[in-house]
Amino acid sequence: MSGPNNTVYLSLGGNLGDPAKSMGAALRLLDADADTRVVAVSSLYRTPPWGKLDQPDFLNAAAEISTVLAPRALLELCLDAEHKLKRVREARWGPRLIDIDILVFGDRIIHEAGLEVPHPRMLERAFVLAPLAEIAPDLAVAGRSVSERLGAVDTSGIERLPSGRDWWLA
């Protein structure tokens, strides 16, 4: 990697097929890119569906990556990984094989078509905050730490699985 490194936090999830396998493959695709390196990955979390409730539970995780890519280029890399893993976009908040969201990109605030950072709904979603708090509890988002934010949302039904943090390397 050349150029300045940016610390980025991602949310990953899925509830079709083998979500852990898909998320692991996505992280390995990102890590294989010359401009991006996976630094830390949370455990896996089983979480109830959000938004559209008549679907299977999700598996979710968070990852810290280091990249020299610009935000839009990283988004394209994430979308390309989803595409390679056969992600089909149908219903909003509906079932999916894999979903990768950019949560935080350094200290940047971005409002572009298709890219908002920090992620506009991350602070109300326990399925995002729980895994993120595991790897970055003191990360400040909108003036408060992720662990403080997690304490302010409903975490009912969220279960940290005994996966450890190396599950994605399998």
N, C-alpha and C. Protein backbone atom coordinates (compact mmCIF):
# COMPACT_ATOMS: atom_id res chain seq x y z
N MET A 1 0.85 -1.18 0.00
CA MET A 1 0.00 0.00 0.00
C MET A 1 0.89 1.23 0.00
N SER A 2 0.52 2.20 -0.83
CA SER A 2 1.25 3.46 -0.83
C SER A 2 0.26 4.58 -0.57
N GLY A 3 0.75 5.69 -0.08
CA GLY A 3 -0.13 6.80 0.27
C GLY A 3 -0.59 6.70 1.71
N PRO A 4 -1.39 7.69 2.14
CA PRO A 4 -1.84 7.69 3.54
C PRO A 4 -2.85 6.58 3.81
N ASN A 5 -2.67 5.90 4.94
CA ASN A 5 -3.61 4.85 5.34
C ASN A 5 -4.80 5.47 6.04
N ASN A 6 -5.96 4.98 5.69
CA ASN A 6 -7.20 5.39 6.35
C ASN A 6 -7.70 4.21 7.17
N THR A 7 -8.14 4.50 8.40
CA THR A 7 -8.77 3.47 9.22
C THR A 7 -10.26 3.52 8.94
N VAL A 8 -10.78 2.37 8.55
CA VAL A 8 -12.18 2.27 8.14
C VAL A 8 -12.83 1.13 8.92
N TYR A 9 -14.08 1.32 9.29
CA TYR A 9 -14.85 0.27 9.95
C TYR A 9 -16.00 -0.14 9.04
N LEU A 10 -16.16 -1.44 8.90
CA LEU A 10 -17.20 -2.02 8.06
C LEU A 10 -18.16 -2.85 8.90
N SER A 11 -19.38 -2.94 8.43
CA SER A 11 -20.36 -3.87 8.97
C SER A 11 -20.62 -4.92 7.90
N LEU A 12 -20.68 -6.18 8.30
CA LEU A 12 -20.97 -7.26 7.37
C LEU A 12 -22.14 -8.07 7.93
N GLY A 13 -22.95 -8.58 7.02
CA GLY A 13 -24.07 -9.39 7.46
C GLY A 13 -24.64 -10.22 6.34
N GLY A 14 -25.49 -11.16 6.71
CA GLY A 14 -26.19 -11.99 5.75
C GLY A 14 -27.08 -12.98 6.47
N ASN A 15 -28.09 -13.50 5.74
CA ASN A 15 -28.97 -14.49 6.36
C ASN A 15 -29.45 -15.55 5.37
N LEU A 16 -28.80 -15.66 4.23
CA LEU A 16 -29.11 -16.72 3.26
C LEU A 16 -27.86 -17.56 3.03
N GLY A 17 -28.08 -18.83 2.70
CA GLY A 17 -26.94 -19.71 2.44
C GLY A 17 -26.12 -19.90 3.71
N ASP A 18 -24.81 -19.72 3.59
CA ASP A 18 -23.89 -19.82 4.73
C ASP A 18 -23.28 -18.43 4.95
N PRO A 19 -23.95 -17.57 5.76
CA PRO A 19 -23.49 -16.19 5.91
C PRO A 19 -22.06 -16.07 6.43
N ALA A 20 -21.66 -16.95 7.35
CA ALA A 20 -20.29 -16.86 7.87
C ALA A 20 -19.29 -17.12 6.75
N LYS A 21 -19.58 -18.08 5.91
CA LYS A 21 -18.70 -18.38 4.77
C LYS A 21 -18.64 -17.19 3.82
N SER A 22 -19.79 -16.60 3.52
CA SER A 22 -19.85 -15.45 2.62
C SER A 22 -19.10 -14.24 3.18
N MET A 23 -19.31 -13.96 4.48
CA MET A 23 -18.62 -12.81 5.09
C MET A 23 -17.12 -13.06 5.14
N GLY A 24 -16.71 -14.28 5.46
CA GLY A 24 -15.29 -14.61 5.46
C GLY A 24 -14.67 -14.44 4.09
N ALA A 25 -15.39 -14.92 3.06
CA ALA A 25 -14.90 -14.78 1.68
C ALA A 25 -14.79 -13.31 1.30
N ALA A 26 -15.77 -12.50 1.71
CA ALA A 26 -15.74 -11.06 1.41
C ALA A 26 -14.52 -10.40 2.07
N LEU A 27 -14.27 -10.73 3.33
CA LEU A 27 -13.11 -10.15 4.02
C LEU A 27 -11.80 -10.59 3.37
N ARG A 28 -11.74 -11.84 2.94
CA ARG A 28 -10.52 -12.31 2.26
C ARG A 28 -10.33 -11.61 0.92
N LEU A 29 -11.43 -11.33 0.20
CA LEU A 29 -11.33 -10.57 -1.05
C LEU A 29 -10.80 -9.15 -0.79
N LEU A 30 -11.31 -8.51 0.25
CA LEU A 30 -10.84 -7.16 0.59
C LEU A 30 -9.38 -7.20 0.99
N ASP A 31 -9.01 -8.19 1.81
CA ASP A 31 -7.64 -8.30 2.29
C ASP A 31 -6.67 -8.62 1.16
N ALA A 32 -7.14 -9.29 0.13
CA ALA A 32 -6.29 -9.65 -1.01
C ALA A 32 -5.99 -8.46 -1.92
N ASP A 33 -6.80 -7.39 -1.79
CA ASP A 33 -6.55 -6.20 -2.60
C ASP A 33 -5.28 -5.51 -2.11
N ALA A 34 -4.42 -5.11 -3.03
CA ALA A 34 -3.11 -4.53 -2.67
C ALA A 34 -3.24 -3.24 -1.86
N ASP A 35 -4.39 -2.57 -1.95
CA ASP A 35 -4.56 -1.28 -1.28
C ASP A 35 -5.36 -1.36 0.02
N THR A 36 -5.69 -2.57 0.45
CA THR A 36 -6.56 -2.74 1.61
C THR A 36 -6.05 -3.91 2.46
N ARG A 37 -6.10 -3.73 3.78
CA ARG A 37 -5.66 -4.78 4.69
C ARG A 37 -6.65 -4.88 5.84
N VAL A 38 -7.08 -6.10 6.14
CA VAL A 38 -7.96 -6.33 7.29
C VAL A 38 -7.10 -6.28 8.55
N VAL A 39 -7.48 -5.44 9.50
CA VAL A 39 -6.72 -5.24 10.73
C VAL A 39 -7.33 -6.02 11.89
N ALA A 40 -8.65 -5.99 12.01
CA ALA A 40 -9.34 -6.67 13.12
C ALA A 40 -10.74 -7.05 12.66
N VAL A 41 -11.23 -8.17 13.18
CA VAL A 41 -12.58 -8.65 12.87
C VAL A 41 -13.24 -9.07 14.18
N SER A 42 -14.50 -8.71 14.33
CA SER A 42 -15.24 -9.11 15.54
C SER A 42 -15.62 -10.58 15.47
N SER A 43 -16.12 -11.07 16.57
CA SER A 43 -16.79 -12.37 16.58
C SER A 43 -18.03 -12.28 15.70
N LEU A 44 -18.64 -13.43 15.45
CA LEU A 44 -19.92 -13.45 14.75
C LEU A 44 -21.04 -13.25 15.77
N TYR A 45 -22.10 -12.58 15.33
CA TYR A 45 -23.27 -12.33 16.17
C TYR A 45 -24.51 -12.80 15.44
N ARG A 46 -25.35 -13.56 16.13
CA ARG A 46 -26.67 -13.91 15.59
C ARG A 46 -27.62 -12.81 16.01
N THR A 47 -28.34 -12.24 15.04
CA THR A 47 -29.20 -11.10 15.33
C THR A 47 -30.56 -11.28 14.67
N PRO A 48 -31.61 -10.81 15.33
CA PRO A 48 -32.93 -10.90 14.72
C PRO A 48 -33.02 -9.96 13.53
N PRO A 49 -33.91 -10.25 12.56
CA PRO A 49 -34.05 -9.36 11.41
C PRO A 49 -34.52 -7.98 11.87
N TRP A 50 -34.17 -6.99 11.07
CA TRP A 50 -34.47 -5.59 11.38
C TRP A 50 -35.16 -5.01 10.16
N GLY A 51 -36.21 -4.22 10.36
CA GLY A 51 -36.91 -3.61 9.24
C GLY A 51 -37.96 -4.55 8.67
N LYS A 52 -37.55 -5.58 7.98
CA LYS A 52 -38.44 -6.60 7.41
C LYS A 52 -38.30 -7.84 8.29
N LEU A 53 -39.33 -8.16 9.07
CA LEU A 53 -39.20 -9.15 10.13
C LEU A 53 -39.46 -10.59 9.70
N ASP A 54 -40.13 -10.82 8.57
CA ASP A 54 -40.50 -12.18 8.16
C ASP A 54 -39.38 -12.82 7.33
N GLN A 55 -38.23 -13.03 7.98
CA GLN A 55 -37.08 -13.63 7.32
C GLN A 55 -36.19 -14.26 8.40
N PRO A 56 -35.23 -15.10 7.99
CA PRO A 56 -34.36 -15.75 8.98
C PRO A 56 -33.48 -14.75 9.73
N ASP A 57 -33.00 -15.19 10.91
CA ASP A 57 -32.03 -14.39 11.66
C ASP A 57 -30.80 -14.14 10.79
N PHE A 58 -30.07 -13.09 11.12
CA PHE A 58 -28.84 -12.73 10.41
C PHE A 58 -27.63 -13.15 11.23
N LEU A 59 -26.51 -13.30 10.56
CA LEU A 59 -25.21 -13.28 11.19
C LEU A 59 -24.60 -11.94 10.85
N ASN A 60 -23.98 -11.29 11.82
CA ASN A 60 -23.34 -9.99 11.61
C ASN A 60 -21.96 -9.99 12.21
N ALA A 61 -21.12 -9.13 11.69
CA ALA A 61 -19.77 -8.92 12.20
C ALA A 61 -19.33 -7.51 11.82
N ALA A 62 -18.27 -7.06 12.45
CA ALA A 62 -17.65 -5.78 12.10
C ALA A 62 -16.18 -6.04 11.81
N ALA A 63 -15.61 -5.17 10.99
CA ALA A 63 -14.18 -5.29 10.66
C ALA A 63 -13.55 -3.92 10.62
N GLU A 64 -12.31 -3.87 11.08
CA GLU A 64 -11.48 -2.68 10.91
C GLU A 64 -10.53 -2.98 9.77
N ILE A 65 -10.46 -2.07 8.82
CA ILE A 65 -9.52 -2.23 7.73
C ILE A 65 -8.67 -0.97 7.61
N SER A 66 -7.53 -1.15 6.98
CA SER A 66 -6.64 -0.04 6.67
C SER A 66 -6.56 0.01 5.15
N THR A 67 -6.74 1.19 4.56
CA THR A 67 -6.73 1.30 3.11
C THR A 67 -6.17 2.64 2.66
N VAL A 68 -5.58 2.63 1.49
CA VAL A 68 -5.15 3.88 0.86
C VAL A 68 -6.18 4.32 -0.18
N LEU A 69 -7.22 3.51 -0.37
CA LEU A 69 -8.26 3.85 -1.33
C LEU A 69 -9.07 5.06 -0.86
N ALA A 70 -9.59 5.79 -1.82
CA ALA A 70 -10.56 6.85 -1.53
C ALA A 70 -11.88 6.20 -1.15
N PRO A 71 -12.76 6.90 -0.45
CA PRO A 71 -14.03 6.30 -0.03
C PRO A 71 -14.84 5.67 -1.17
N ARG A 72 -14.98 6.37 -2.28
CA ARG A 72 -15.76 5.83 -3.40
C ARG A 72 -15.11 4.56 -3.96
N ALA A 73 -13.78 4.55 -4.06
CA ALA A 73 -13.07 3.37 -4.56
C ALA A 73 -13.25 2.19 -3.61
N LEU A 74 -13.24 2.44 -2.30
CA LEU A 74 -13.48 1.37 -1.33
C LEU A 74 -14.91 0.85 -1.47
N LEU A 75 -15.87 1.74 -1.64
CA LEU A 75 -17.25 1.31 -1.84
C LEU A 75 -17.34 0.40 -3.06
N GLU A 76 -16.69 0.77 -4.14
CA GLU A 76 -16.70 -0.06 -5.35
C GLU A 76 -16.07 -1.43 -5.09
N LEU A 77 -14.98 -1.45 -4.31
CA LEU A 77 -14.34 -2.72 -3.95
C LEU A 77 -15.31 -3.60 -3.15
N CYS A 78 -16.03 -3.00 -2.20
CA CYS A 78 -17.00 -3.74 -1.39
C CYS A 78 -18.15 -4.26 -2.26
N LEU A 79 -18.67 -3.42 -3.15
CA LEU A 79 -19.75 -3.84 -4.04
C LEU A 79 -19.29 -4.94 -4.99
N ASP A 80 -18.03 -4.85 -5.44
CA ASP A 80 -17.47 -5.88 -6.30
C ASP A 80 -17.38 -7.21 -5.55
N ALA A 81 -16.98 -7.15 -4.29
CA ALA A 81 -16.92 -8.38 -3.47
C ALA A 81 -18.31 -8.98 -3.32
N GLU A 82 -19.32 -8.13 -3.04
CA GLU A 82 -20.70 -8.62 -2.95
C GLU A 82 -21.12 -9.29 -4.26
N HIS A 83 -20.80 -8.65 -5.38
CA HIS A 83 -21.16 -9.19 -6.69
C HIS A 83 -20.49 -10.54 -6.94
N LYS A 84 -19.20 -10.65 -6.62
CA LYS A 84 -18.48 -11.91 -6.81
C LYS A 84 -19.09 -13.03 -5.97
N LEU A 85 -19.69 -12.66 -4.85
CA LEU A 85 -20.31 -13.65 -3.96
C LEU A 85 -21.79 -13.84 -4.26
N LYS A 86 -22.23 -13.30 -5.41
CA LYS A 86 -23.60 -13.52 -5.93
C LYS A 86 -24.68 -12.78 -5.16
N ARG A 87 -24.35 -11.62 -4.59
CA ARG A 87 -25.36 -10.79 -3.92
C ARG A 87 -26.36 -10.30 -4.95
N VAL A 88 -27.64 -10.43 -4.64
CA VAL A 88 -28.71 -9.90 -5.47
C VAL A 88 -29.47 -8.91 -4.61
N ARG A 89 -29.66 -7.70 -5.12
CA ARG A 89 -30.39 -6.68 -4.37
C ARG A 89 -31.85 -6.71 -4.79
N GLU A 90 -32.71 -7.11 -3.84
CA GLU A 90 -34.14 -7.17 -4.14
C GLU A 90 -34.87 -6.25 -3.17
N ALA A 91 -35.43 -6.80 -2.10
CA ALA A 91 -36.19 -6.00 -1.14
C ALA A 91 -35.26 -5.27 -0.18
N ARG A 92 -35.56 -4.00 0.07
CA ARG A 92 -34.81 -3.25 1.07
C ARG A 92 -34.97 -3.94 2.42
N TRP A 93 -33.86 -4.11 3.12
CA TRP A 93 -33.81 -4.78 4.41
C TRP A 93 -34.23 -6.25 4.31
N GLY A 94 -34.26 -6.79 3.11
CA GLY A 94 -34.69 -8.16 2.90
C GLY A 94 -33.55 -9.14 3.06
N PRO A 95 -33.84 -10.42 2.83
CA PRO A 95 -32.83 -11.46 2.96
C PRO A 95 -31.68 -11.24 1.97
N ARG A 96 -30.48 -11.63 2.36
CA ARG A 96 -29.32 -11.46 1.48
C ARG A 96 -28.23 -12.45 1.83
N LEU A 97 -27.43 -12.77 0.83
CA LEU A 97 -26.26 -13.63 1.03
C LEU A 97 -25.17 -12.89 1.76
N ILE A 98 -24.96 -11.62 1.40
CA ILE A 98 -23.86 -10.83 1.95
C ILE A 98 -24.22 -9.35 1.84
N ASP A 99 -23.85 -8.60 2.83
CA ASP A 99 -24.02 -7.14 2.81
C ASP A 99 -22.79 -6.55 3.47
N ILE A 100 -22.18 -5.58 2.82
CA ILE A 100 -21.02 -4.88 3.39
C ILE A 100 -21.34 -3.39 3.39
N ASP A 101 -21.29 -2.77 4.54
CA ASP A 101 -21.51 -1.33 4.66
C ASP A 101 -20.28 -0.66 5.24
N ILE A 102 -19.93 0.50 4.69
CA ILE A 102 -18.89 1.34 5.28
C ILE A 102 -19.55 2.13 6.39
N LEU A 103 -19.06 1.94 7.62
CA LEU A 103 -19.62 2.65 8.77
C LEU A 103 -18.92 3.96 9.02
N VAL A 104 -17.60 3.90 9.11
CA VAL A 104 -16.77 5.07 9.44
C VAL A 104 -15.54 5.00 8.54
N PHE A 105 -15.16 6.14 7.98
CA PHE A 105 -13.97 6.23 7.13
C PHE A 105 -13.10 7.34 7.71
N GLY A 106 -12.16 6.95 8.59
CA GLY A 106 -11.34 7.96 9.27
C GLY A 106 -12.24 8.93 10.00
N ASP A 107 -11.95 10.20 9.85
CA ASP A 107 -12.81 11.21 10.47
C ASP A 107 -13.64 11.96 9.43
N ARG A 108 -13.78 11.35 8.27
CA ARG A 108 -14.49 12.01 7.18
C ARG A 108 -16.00 11.96 7.35
N ILE A 109 -16.64 13.02 6.89
CA ILE A 109 -18.10 13.08 6.78
C ILE A 109 -18.39 13.21 5.29
N ILE A 110 -19.13 12.23 4.77
CA ILE A 110 -19.37 12.16 3.32
C ILE A 110 -20.87 12.06 3.07
N HIS A 111 -21.36 12.92 2.19
CA HIS A 111 -22.76 12.89 1.75
C HIS A 111 -22.76 12.91 0.23
N GLU A 112 -22.70 11.73 -0.37
CA GLU A 112 -22.72 11.60 -1.82
C GLU A 112 -23.81 10.62 -2.20
N ALA A 113 -24.21 10.62 -3.44
CA ALA A 113 -25.19 9.64 -3.91
C ALA A 113 -24.63 8.24 -3.67
N GLY A 114 -25.36 7.43 -2.90
CA GLY A 114 -24.96 6.06 -2.65
C GLY A 114 -23.87 5.88 -1.61
N LEU A 115 -23.41 6.97 -0.99
CA LEU A 115 -22.34 6.85 0.01
C LEU A 115 -22.50 7.94 1.07
N GLU A 116 -22.91 7.50 2.26
CA GLU A 116 -23.00 8.41 3.41
C GLU A 116 -22.17 7.84 4.54
N VAL A 117 -21.24 8.65 5.03
CA VAL A 117 -20.34 8.24 6.10
C VAL A 117 -20.24 9.38 7.10
N PRO A 118 -20.36 9.11 8.41
CA PRO A 118 -20.70 7.83 9.01
C PRO A 118 -22.05 7.32 8.48
N HIS A 119 -22.20 6.00 8.51
CA HIS A 119 -23.43 5.38 8.02
C HIS A 119 -24.61 6.00 8.75
N PRO A 120 -25.62 6.49 8.01
CA PRO A 120 -26.69 7.28 8.63
C PRO A 120 -27.55 6.54 9.65
N ARG A 121 -27.63 5.22 9.62
CA ARG A 121 -28.50 4.50 10.56
C ARG A 121 -27.73 3.62 11.53
N MET A 122 -26.41 3.71 11.52
CA MET A 122 -25.63 2.80 12.37
C MET A 122 -25.89 2.98 13.86
N LEU A 123 -26.19 4.19 14.29
CA LEU A 123 -26.32 4.46 15.72
C LEU A 123 -27.63 3.96 16.31
N GLU A 124 -28.57 3.55 15.46
CA GLU A 124 -29.83 3.00 15.95
C GLU A 124 -29.91 1.49 15.80
N ARG A 125 -28.84 0.87 15.31
CA ARG A 125 -28.85 -0.55 15.00
C ARG A 125 -27.91 -1.33 15.91
N ALA A 126 -28.49 -2.07 16.84
CA ALA A 126 -27.68 -2.88 17.76
C ALA A 126 -26.89 -3.94 17.01
N PHE A 127 -27.42 -4.43 15.87
CA PHE A 127 -26.70 -5.47 15.12
C PHE A 127 -25.43 -4.92 14.47
N VAL A 128 -25.33 -3.60 14.37
CA VAL A 128 -24.10 -2.95 13.91
C VAL A 128 -23.21 -2.60 15.10
N LEU A 129 -23.82 -2.03 16.12
CA LEU A 129 -23.05 -1.53 17.27
C LEU A 129 -22.43 -2.64 18.12
N ALA A 130 -23.12 -3.77 18.30
CA ALA A 130 -22.57 -4.83 19.15
C ALA A 130 -21.24 -5.37 18.61
N PRO A 131 -21.17 -5.78 17.33
CA PRO A 131 -19.87 -6.25 16.84
C PRO A 131 -18.82 -5.13 16.79
N LEU A 132 -19.26 -3.92 16.44
CA LEU A 132 -18.31 -2.80 16.37
C LEU A 132 -17.74 -2.49 17.74
N ALA A 133 -18.58 -2.56 18.78
CA ALA A 133 -18.11 -2.28 20.15
C ALA A 133 -17.07 -3.31 20.60
N GLU A 134 -17.13 -4.52 20.05
CA GLU A 134 -16.15 -5.54 20.41
C GLU A 134 -14.74 -5.17 19.94
N ILE A 135 -14.64 -4.57 18.74
CA ILE A 135 -13.31 -4.26 18.20
C ILE A 135 -12.92 -2.79 18.34
N ALA A 136 -13.89 -1.91 18.60
CA ALA A 136 -13.58 -0.47 18.70
C ALA A 136 -14.50 0.20 19.72
N PRO A 137 -14.46 -0.25 20.99
CA PRO A 137 -15.39 0.29 21.99
C PRO A 137 -15.26 1.79 22.22
N ASP A 138 -14.05 2.32 22.05
CA ASP A 138 -13.83 3.74 22.32
C ASP A 138 -13.92 4.63 21.09
N LEU A 139 -14.22 4.05 19.94
CA LEU A 139 -14.38 4.83 18.71
C LEU A 139 -15.51 5.83 18.91
N ALA A 140 -15.20 7.11 18.70
CA ALA A 140 -16.22 8.15 18.86
C ALA A 140 -16.95 8.36 17.54
N VAL A 141 -18.28 8.31 17.62
CA VAL A 141 -19.13 8.60 16.48
C VAL A 141 -20.16 9.62 16.94
N ALA A 142 -20.17 10.76 16.29
CA ALA A 142 -21.08 11.86 16.65
C ALA A 142 -20.96 12.20 18.14
N GLY A 143 -19.71 12.23 18.63
CA GLY A 143 -19.45 12.73 19.97
C GLY A 143 -19.54 11.74 21.11
N ARG A 144 -19.93 10.50 20.84
CA ARG A 144 -20.02 9.49 21.90
C ARG A 144 -19.38 8.20 21.43
N SER A 145 -18.85 7.42 22.38
CA SER A 145 -18.19 6.17 22.03
C SER A 145 -19.20 5.13 21.56
N VAL A 146 -18.71 4.19 20.78
CA VAL A 146 -19.56 3.10 20.29
C VAL A 146 -20.14 2.32 21.47
N SER A 147 -19.33 2.07 22.51
CA SER A 147 -19.86 1.32 23.66
C SER A 147 -20.98 2.10 24.36
N GLU A 148 -20.85 3.42 24.45
CA GLU A 148 -21.95 4.23 25.02
C GLU A 148 -23.19 4.13 24.14
N ARG A 149 -22.99 4.22 22.84
CA ARG A 149 -24.11 4.12 21.89
C ARG A 149 -24.81 2.77 22.02
N LEU A 150 -24.02 1.70 22.16
CA LEU A 150 -24.59 0.37 22.29
C LEU A 150 -25.46 0.28 23.54
N GLY A 151 -25.02 0.90 24.62
CA GLY A 151 -25.78 0.89 25.86
C GLY A 151 -27.12 1.60 25.77
N ALA A 152 -27.31 2.39 24.71
CA ALA A 152 -28.54 3.17 24.57
C ALA A 152 -29.54 2.55 23.60
N VAL A 153 -29.24 1.37 23.03
CA VAL A 153 -30.16 0.73 22.09
C VAL A 153 -30.60 -0.63 22.62
N ASP A 154 -31.70 -1.12 22.09
CA ASP A 154 -32.25 -2.42 22.48
C ASP A 154 -31.41 -3.54 21.86
N THR A 155 -30.81 -4.37 22.70
CA THR A 155 -29.97 -5.47 22.21
C THR A 155 -30.68 -6.82 22.36
N SER A 156 -31.99 -6.80 22.54
CA SER A 156 -32.75 -8.05 22.69
C SER A 156 -32.52 -8.96 21.51
N GLY A 157 -32.26 -10.23 21.80
CA GLY A 157 -32.13 -11.22 20.76
C GLY A 157 -30.77 -11.30 20.11
N ILE A 158 -29.85 -10.43 20.47
CA ILE A 158 -28.51 -10.45 19.87
C ILE A 158 -27.63 -11.39 20.69
N GLU A 159 -27.00 -12.32 20.00
CA GLU A 159 -26.18 -13.34 20.65
C GLU A 159 -24.78 -13.37 20.02
N ARG A 160 -23.78 -13.15 20.85
CA ARG A 160 -22.39 -13.29 20.39
C ARG A 160 -22.06 -14.77 20.33
N LEU A 161 -21.66 -15.25 19.18
CA LEU A 161 -21.36 -16.66 18.99
C LEU A 161 -19.92 -16.96 19.39
N PRO A 162 -19.64 -18.19 19.78
CA PRO A 162 -18.28 -18.54 20.23
C PRO A 162 -17.33 -18.79 19.04
N SER A 163 -17.31 -17.85 18.12
CA SER A 163 -16.54 -18.00 16.88
C SER A 163 -15.10 -17.54 17.02
N GLY A 164 -14.84 -16.67 18.03
CA GLY A 164 -13.53 -16.03 18.10
C GLY A 164 -13.41 -15.01 16.97
N ARG A 165 -12.22 -14.46 16.82
CA ARG A 165 -12.04 -13.40 15.83
C ARG A 165 -11.32 -13.86 14.56
N ASP A 166 -10.94 -15.13 14.49
CA ASP A 166 -10.23 -15.64 13.30
C ASP A 166 -11.15 -16.45 12.39
N TRP A 167 -12.45 -16.46 12.64
CA TRP A 167 -13.39 -17.26 11.87
C TRP A 167 -13.31 -16.97 10.38
N TRP A 168 -12.96 -15.75 10.01
CA TRP A 168 -12.98 -15.33 8.60
C TRP A 168 -11.80 -15.90 7.80
N LEU A 169 -10.79 -16.44 8.48
CA LEU A 169 -9.60 -16.95 7.80
C LEU A 169 -9.79 -18.38 7.32
N ALA A 170 -10.85 -19.04 7.77
CA ALA A 170 -11.06 -20.47 7.43
C ALA A 170 -11.30 -20.68 5.94
